[in-house]
Each structure stands twice: as structure tokens, then as C-alpha cells.
């Protein structure tokens, strides 16, 4: 998984509406304000409301499934990312993941609970690395995601594969196995590229960008 440095995401967020580049320190403060003020959760809530409305209209089949990304989707790493100054070092990131302490994204958990009440199948699909598999299972469980069909993360030989290629290939394979993917929840464009996504639920993420 290749994370671009924070500055890239900040520029995407600010350059479109500002004639000049913003000081990085001010950009970090603005991003923190967005998350800390409750605006992020509110925006997520609106997207989940629309998703529920859509899923209510979907004809029920036993094979209906929704694909969930994990980081900044099912799980919320914001407090950790903020604590290290919005930076990124792979080894440190994996240490954080292996602590299995990330809380759930409350609005995504609300969608998960709704889907479970409808007996819709849940698939977790993440670009996390193979050595974090057990910690990912533990963290999902502690965050309340206790029932799902499968959790799929990268194998070691797939580490150099782009997120979009990896995830689109897996979704295609799942569809060929008989899953009817009706929706896909994620925070990156790469979570949806390549088709087999169904209804797209794109959450905001001003912390990082994944290719």
C-alpha cells in the first residue's frame, strides 16, 4: 500500500478553493478542526443515511453483500494520526495496527448493524499487510464487527500491487464466486475503481491518499 504524504491530500482539500498555497501548519489545524468539531461525523452520517435509503430499495437475495474497507472506514485511526503530527512511517503504522486499538467509525458501524439486521452479507477488504491479519481480526471484534462472511487483506506477494488493482481483482473474484455486491464502503477512490462495486459510499478523508 502506498500512502502519499499528507501534504498531497491537504493540497487537494485547500488548493481548489484558495488562490495561493496555505501554510502546512495552518492546513493541519484546519484538518484537525474538521474532525474535532464533529463535521466529519456529520458528513459521514449523511452518506450513511443515503446508503440505507438505497439499500431499502434493493431486492433481497441471500447472496447480497456489502464490501467494507477498514482504515478510515470501519475503523477510525484519526486520533493516532493526529498524535504523530499527521505523518506516516510504515513501520510505525504497522505497530499501531498491531495494537488493535482503533475505535469504530460510529456511522459506519451504524450501517453495519443495519445490514446485519437485514441479513446482508458483510465482506471486509483491506490493503493492510499479511502480518497484521490477526490484529485486524482482533480490532474488528473489539470494535463490534463480530459477524461477517470474510476478511481479505494482501498476501505478502501482493505488496507491490496498487490498492485499486488489488481490490478490483478481489471484488471480481467475489462476484464470480456468487456474491451479489450491492454496495461498497470506502474512503479512497482506489476502493471503488475497476467495477464490481455496486452503490458507492465514499467517505471523506483529508488525512492521506492511497493509490
Protein backbone atom coordinates (compact mmCIF):
# COMPACT_ATOMS: atom_id res chain seq x y z
CA UNK A 1 0.00 0.00 0.00
CA UNK A 2 1.44 3.34 -0.99
CA UNK A 3 0.45 6.32 1.08
CA UNK A 4 1.20 9.73 -0.30
CA UNK A 5 2.49 12.23 2.20
CA UNK A 6 -0.08 14.32 4.00
CA UNK A 7 0.70 17.46 2.04
CA UNK A 8 -0.80 15.99 -1.13
CA UNK A 9 -4.17 15.39 0.49
CA UNK A 10 -4.07 18.80 2.12
CA UNK A 11 -3.44 20.43 -1.24
CA UNK A 12 -6.39 18.58 -2.74
CA UNK A 13 -8.52 19.89 0.11
CA UNK A 14 -7.39 23.51 0.01
CA UNK A 15 -5.98 24.43 -3.39
CA UNK A 16 -9.34 24.12 -5.14
CA UNK A 17 -10.79 26.94 -3.05
CA UNK A 18 -7.71 29.11 -2.39
CA UNK A 19 -5.70 31.18 -4.91
CA UNK A 20 -2.45 30.56 -3.02
CA UNK A 21 -0.97 27.60 -1.18
CA UNK A 22 -1.74 27.51 2.53
CA UNK A 23 0.92 27.17 5.22
CA UNK A 24 1.21 23.50 6.22
CA UNK A 25 0.77 24.24 9.91
CA UNK A 26 -2.47 26.09 9.18
CA UNK A 27 -3.60 23.27 6.93
CA UNK A 28 -3.07 20.74 9.72
CA UNK A 29 -5.06 22.91 12.11
CA UNK A 30 -7.89 23.20 9.59
CA UNK A 31 -7.99 19.44 9.08
CA UNK A 32 -8.00 18.86 12.84
CA UNK A 33 -10.85 21.34 13.22
CA UNK A 34 -12.86 19.48 10.60
CA UNK A 35 -12.55 16.21 12.50
CA UNK A 36 -12.64 17.53 16.07
CA UNK A 37 -15.68 19.76 15.51
CA UNK A 38 -17.93 16.84 14.60
CA UNK A 39 -18.22 17.91 10.96
CA UNK A 40 -16.58 14.71 9.76
CA UNK A 41 -19.01 12.52 11.70
CA UNK A 42 -21.93 14.61 10.48
CA UNK A 43 -20.84 14.27 6.86
CA UNK A 44 -20.43 10.52 7.29
CA UNK A 45 -23.90 10.33 8.80
CA UNK A 46 -25.48 11.97 5.76
CA UNK A 47 -23.77 9.49 3.45
CA UNK A 48 -24.88 6.53 5.56
CA UNK A 49 -28.46 7.82 5.61
CA UNK A 50 -28.46 7.87 1.81
CA UNK A 51 -26.93 4.41 1.69
CA UNK A 52 -29.63 2.98 3.95
CA UNK A 53 -32.28 4.59 1.77
CA UNK A 54 -30.75 2.94 -1.29
CA UNK A 55 -30.39 -0.48 0.30
CA UNK A 56 -34.03 -0.39 1.40
CA UNK A 57 -34.90 -0.33 -2.31
CA UNK A 58 -32.72 -3.33 -3.23
CA UNK A 59 -34.47 -6.60 -3.92
CA UNK A 60 -33.47 -9.10 -1.23
CA UNK A 61 -31.30 -12.04 -2.21
CA UNK A 62 -29.32 -14.37 0.02
CA UNK A 63 -26.22 -13.50 -2.00
CA UNK A 64 -26.49 -9.72 -1.43
CA UNK A 65 -23.24 -8.40 0.03
CA UNK A 66 -21.65 -5.11 1.01
CA UNK A 67 -17.87 -4.61 0.87
CA UNK A 68 -16.24 -2.56 3.63
CA UNK A 69 -12.79 -1.02 3.61
CA UNK A 70 -11.20 -0.93 7.09
CA UNK A 71 -8.93 2.05 7.76
CA UNK A 72 -10.84 5.35 7.94
CA UNK A 73 -13.95 3.36 7.07
CA UNK A 74 -14.88 0.59 9.52
CA UNK A 75 -12.11 1.69 11.90
CA UNK A 76 -11.10 5.25 12.78
CA UNK A 77 -7.37 5.98 13.13
CA UNK A 78 -7.74 9.75 13.37
CA UNK A 79 -6.56 10.17 16.98
CA UNK A 80 -3.40 8.15 16.30
CA UNK A 81 -2.67 10.02 13.06
CA UNK A 82 -3.18 13.37 14.76
CA UNK A 83 -0.92 12.32 17.66
CA UNK A 84 2.03 11.86 15.29
CA UNK A 85 1.50 15.17 13.51
CA UNK A 86 -0.38 13.72 10.55
CA UNK A 87 2.71 11.94 9.27
CA UNK A 88 3.29 8.41 8.04
CA UNK A 89 6.05 5.85 8.61
CA UNK A 90 5.17 2.31 7.52
CA UNK A 91 6.83 0.51 10.45
CA UNK A 92 5.16 2.79 12.98
CA UNK A 93 1.82 2.44 11.21
CA UNK A 94 2.03 -1.35 11.41
CA UNK A 95 2.93 -1.13 15.09
CA UNK A 96 -0.22 0.92 15.64
CA UNK A 97 -2.33 -1.57 13.69
CA UNK A 98 -0.93 -4.46 15.71
CA UNK A 99 -2.07 -2.77 18.91
CA UNK A 100 -5.65 -3.39 17.66
CA UNK A 101 -6.96 -0.31 19.48
CA UNK A 102 -8.67 1.70 16.74
CA UNK A 103 -12.28 2.57 17.59
CA UNK A 104 -15.10 2.06 15.11
CA UNK A 105 -16.32 4.79 12.82
CA UNK A 106 -19.69 5.26 14.55
CA UNK A 107 -21.66 5.97 11.39
CA UNK A 108 -20.14 3.03 9.50
CA UNK A 109 -20.88 0.79 12.47
CA UNK A 110 -24.48 2.01 12.27
CA UNK A 111 -24.60 0.86 8.65
CA UNK A 112 -23.02 -2.45 9.59
CA UNK A 113 -25.65 -3.04 12.29
CA UNK A 114 -28.43 -2.18 9.85
CA UNK A 115 -27.05 -4.62 7.26
CA UNK A 116 -26.79 -7.38 9.84
CA UNK A 117 -30.46 -6.83 10.76
CA UNK A 118 -31.29 -7.35 7.07
CA UNK A 119 -29.13 -10.50 6.83
CA UNK A 120 -26.96 -8.88 4.17
CA UNK A 121 -23.52 -10.42 3.87
CA UNK A 122 -20.52 -8.42 5.06
CA UNK A 123 -17.10 -8.55 3.41
CA UNK A 124 -14.08 -6.68 4.77
CA UNK A 125 -11.49 -5.89 2.11
CA UNK A 126 -8.33 -4.02 3.09
CA UNK A 127 -4.91 -3.18 1.70
CA UNK A 128 -3.36 -3.97 5.08
CA UNK A 129 -0.38 -6.30 5.05
CA UNK A 130 -0.49 -10.00 5.86
CA UNK A 131 1.41 -9.70 9.14
CA UNK A 132 -1.41 -7.56 10.54
CA UNK A 133 -4.15 -10.13 9.90
CA UNK A 134 -4.61 -11.34 13.48
CA UNK A 135 -4.54 -7.81 14.87
CA UNK A 136 -7.10 -6.77 12.27
CA UNK A 137 -9.44 -9.58 13.31
CA UNK A 138 -8.97 -8.64 16.98
CA UNK A 139 -9.58 -4.95 16.31
CA UNK A 140 -12.70 -5.57 14.24
CA UNK A 141 -14.06 -7.76 17.01
CA UNK A 142 -13.30 -5.25 19.77
CA UNK A 143 -14.92 -2.51 17.68
CA UNK A 144 -18.14 -4.51 17.41
CA UNK A 145 -17.73 -6.04 13.96
CA UNK A 146 -18.15 -9.58 15.21
CA UNK A 147 -20.07 -11.19 12.35
CA UNK A 148 -19.00 -11.16 8.71
CA UNK A 149 -18.51 -13.55 5.82
CA UNK A 150 -14.84 -12.93 5.21
CA UNK A 151 -11.87 -10.64 5.80
CA UNK A 152 -9.45 -10.27 2.90
CA UNK A 153 -6.12 -8.44 3.13
CA UNK A 154 -2.99 -8.53 0.99
CA UNK A 155 -0.78 -11.58 0.85
CA UNK A 156 2.94 -10.91 1.00
CA UNK A 157 3.38 -11.48 -2.74
CA UNK A 158 0.77 -8.77 -3.41
CA UNK A 159 2.52 -5.98 -1.51
CA UNK A 160 3.59 -4.14 -4.66
CA UNK A 161 0.16 -4.29 -6.26
CA UNK A 162 -1.73 -0.99 -6.28
CA UNK A 163 -4.74 -0.73 -4.00
CA UNK A 164 -7.14 -0.20 -6.88
CA UNK A 165 -5.85 -3.22 -8.81
CA UNK A 166 -5.82 -5.45 -5.73
CA UNK A 167 -9.33 -4.51 -4.61
CA UNK A 168 -10.97 -4.58 -8.04
CA UNK A 169 -9.50 -8.02 -8.69
CA UNK A 170 -10.79 -9.34 -5.37
CA UNK A 171 -14.27 -7.89 -5.95
CA UNK A 172 -14.36 -9.55 -9.38
CA UNK A 173 -13.37 -12.87 -7.81
CA UNK A 174 -16.04 -12.50 -5.13
CA UNK A 175 -18.66 -11.80 -7.79
CA UNK A 176 -17.58 -14.87 -9.73
CA UNK A 177 -17.98 -16.92 -6.55
CA UNK A 178 -21.63 -15.87 -6.35
CA UNK A 179 -21.67 -12.76 -4.18
CA UNK A 180 -24.01 -10.04 -5.43
CA UNK A 181 -22.16 -6.89 -4.37
CA UNK A 182 -24.84 -4.25 -3.88
CA UNK A 183 -22.67 -1.59 -2.24
CA UNK A 184 -19.08 -0.71 -1.39
CA UNK A 185 -17.99 1.49 1.53
CA UNK A 186 -14.59 3.19 1.50
CA UNK A 187 -12.67 6.43 1.89
CA UNK A 188 -10.46 6.34 -1.21
CA UNK A 189 -11.11 6.42 -4.96
CA UNK A 190 -8.98 3.30 -5.16
CA UNK A 191 -11.60 1.47 -3.07
CA UNK A 192 -14.04 1.66 -5.99
CA UNK A 193 -12.07 1.74 -9.23
CA UNK A 194 -12.32 -1.23 -11.56
CA UNK A 195 -16.01 -2.02 -11.21
CA UNK A 196 -17.89 -4.66 -9.21
CA UNK A 197 -18.65 -2.03 -6.55
CA UNK A 198 -22.41 -1.58 -6.66
CA UNK A 199 -23.64 1.54 -4.88
CA UNK A 200 -20.61 3.63 -3.89
CA UNK A 201 -20.40 5.08 -0.38
CA UNK A 202 -17.34 7.34 -0.49
CA UNK A 203 -16.47 8.72 2.95
CA UNK A 204 -14.37 11.88 3.32
CA UNK A 205 -10.68 11.50 4.14
CA UNK A 206 -8.39 14.53 4.48
CA UNK A 207 -5.65 12.56 6.26
CA UNK A 208 -3.98 10.66 3.42
CA UNK A 209 -4.47 9.34 -0.09
CA UNK A 210 -3.97 5.78 -1.33
CA UNK A 211 -3.09 4.95 -4.94
